[in-house]
Amino acid sequence: MIRLSRNLQVLPLVCFVPPTPSAFRIRRQPHPDYYSTIEAIHHVIDLFAQTENENPAKPRLHDNLLAVFGTAVSRQLYYTDRS
């Protein structure tokens, strides 16, 4: 997509090394350090979010992204195993 769009090519890149492997089990990622789009969005929010005075016991709003993602992956695997 970036290769085909001049508008996207001029945007700054945000790069990071994932702290954990991808939880996307529906298909294999092309490289061990690759994340699904949802995982990458969650991690970038983590990188840019204010972390001072956070209560680790209290879930953050964007953690819901990973909860929904996990449910979607599990549901897809459930239906894949049944066919």
Protein backbone atom coordinates (compact mmCIF):
# COMPACT_ATOMS: atom_id res chain seq x y z
CA MET A 1 0.00 0.00 0.00
CA ILE A 2 2.80 2.42 0.88
CA ARG A 3 4.61 1.61 -2.34
CA LEU A 4 1.52 2.57 -4.38
CA SER A 5 0.57 5.78 -2.55
CA ARG A 6 2.66 8.95 -2.72
CA ASN A 7 0.55 10.40 0.11
CA LEU A 8 1.57 7.55 2.42
CA GLN A 9 5.20 7.69 1.32
CA VAL A 10 5.65 11.21 2.71
CA LEU A 11 4.33 10.35 6.18
CA PRO A 12 6.92 9.73 8.89
CA LEU A 13 7.49 6.10 9.84
CA VAL A 14 7.03 4.80 13.36
CA CYS A 15 9.13 1.72 14.02
CA PHE A 16 9.50 -0.46 17.08
CA VAL A 17 10.67 -3.91 18.07
CA PRO A 18 7.74 -5.87 19.51
CA PRO A 19 8.31 -6.93 23.12
CA THR A 20 6.47 -10.23 22.56
CA PRO A 21 5.65 -12.41 19.55
CA SER A 22 2.42 -11.74 17.70
CA ALA A 23 -0.71 -13.43 19.03
CA PHE A 24 -2.11 -13.65 15.50
CA ARG A 25 -2.42 -17.43 15.16
CA ILE A 26 -4.66 -17.51 12.08
CA ARG A 27 -1.71 -17.20 9.73
CA ARG A 28 2.04 -17.07 10.19
CA GLN A 29 3.64 -13.64 10.18
CA PRO A 30 6.32 -13.21 7.49
CA HIS A 31 8.91 -12.31 10.15
CA PRO A 32 9.05 -13.03 13.91
CA ASP A 33 9.07 -9.29 14.71
CA TYR A 34 5.88 -8.55 12.74
CA TYR A 35 2.59 -7.70 14.42
CA SER A 36 -0.94 -7.67 13.13
CA THR A 37 -2.34 -4.21 12.49
CA ILE A 38 -4.39 -4.22 15.72
CA GLU A 39 -1.39 -5.32 17.80
CA ALA A 40 0.77 -2.63 16.19
CA ILE A 41 -1.84 0.07 16.86
CA HIS A 42 -2.08 -1.03 20.49
CA HIS A 43 1.69 -0.95 20.90
CA VAL A 44 2.03 2.49 19.28
CA ILE A 45 -0.66 3.84 21.64
CA ASP A 46 1.40 2.36 24.48
CA LEU A 47 4.52 4.08 23.20
CA PHE A 48 2.86 7.49 22.98
CA ALA A 49 0.58 7.27 26.03
CA GLN A 50 1.41 9.03 29.25
CA THR A 51 2.54 6.33 31.68
CA GLU A 52 3.24 8.44 34.75
CA ASN A 53 1.14 7.60 37.80
CA GLU A 54 -0.65 4.75 36.04
CA ASN A 55 -2.23 2.09 38.19
CA PRO A 56 -1.04 -1.28 36.75
CA ALA A 57 -4.09 -3.02 38.24
CA LYS A 58 -6.48 -0.75 36.33
CA PRO A 59 -7.02 -1.72 32.66
CA ARG A 60 -6.36 0.99 30.11
CA LEU A 61 -9.01 1.83 27.51
CA HIS A 62 -6.85 0.75 24.58
CA ASP A 63 -6.26 -2.69 26.14
CA ASN A 64 -9.75 -3.50 24.87
CA LEU A 65 -8.21 -3.64 21.37
CA LEU A 66 -6.24 -6.74 22.34
CA ALA A 67 -9.22 -8.30 24.11
CA VAL A 68 -11.39 -7.95 20.99
CA PHE A 69 -8.49 -9.12 18.83
CA GLY A 70 -8.00 -12.23 20.99
CA THR A 71 -11.70 -13.04 20.80
CA ALA A 72 -11.72 -12.66 17.01
CA VAL A 73 -8.66 -14.90 16.61
CA SER A 74 -10.12 -17.57 18.92
CA ARG A 75 -13.47 -17.49 17.12
CA GLN A 76 -11.81 -17.82 13.72
CA LEU A 77 -9.75 -20.79 14.94
CA TYR A 78 -12.87 -22.40 16.42
CA TYR A 79 -14.71 -22.26 13.10
CA THR A 80 -11.61 -23.31 11.16
CA ASP A 81 -11.21 -26.42 13.37
CA ARG A 82 -14.86 -27.38 12.82
CA SER A 83 -14.66 -27.44 9.02
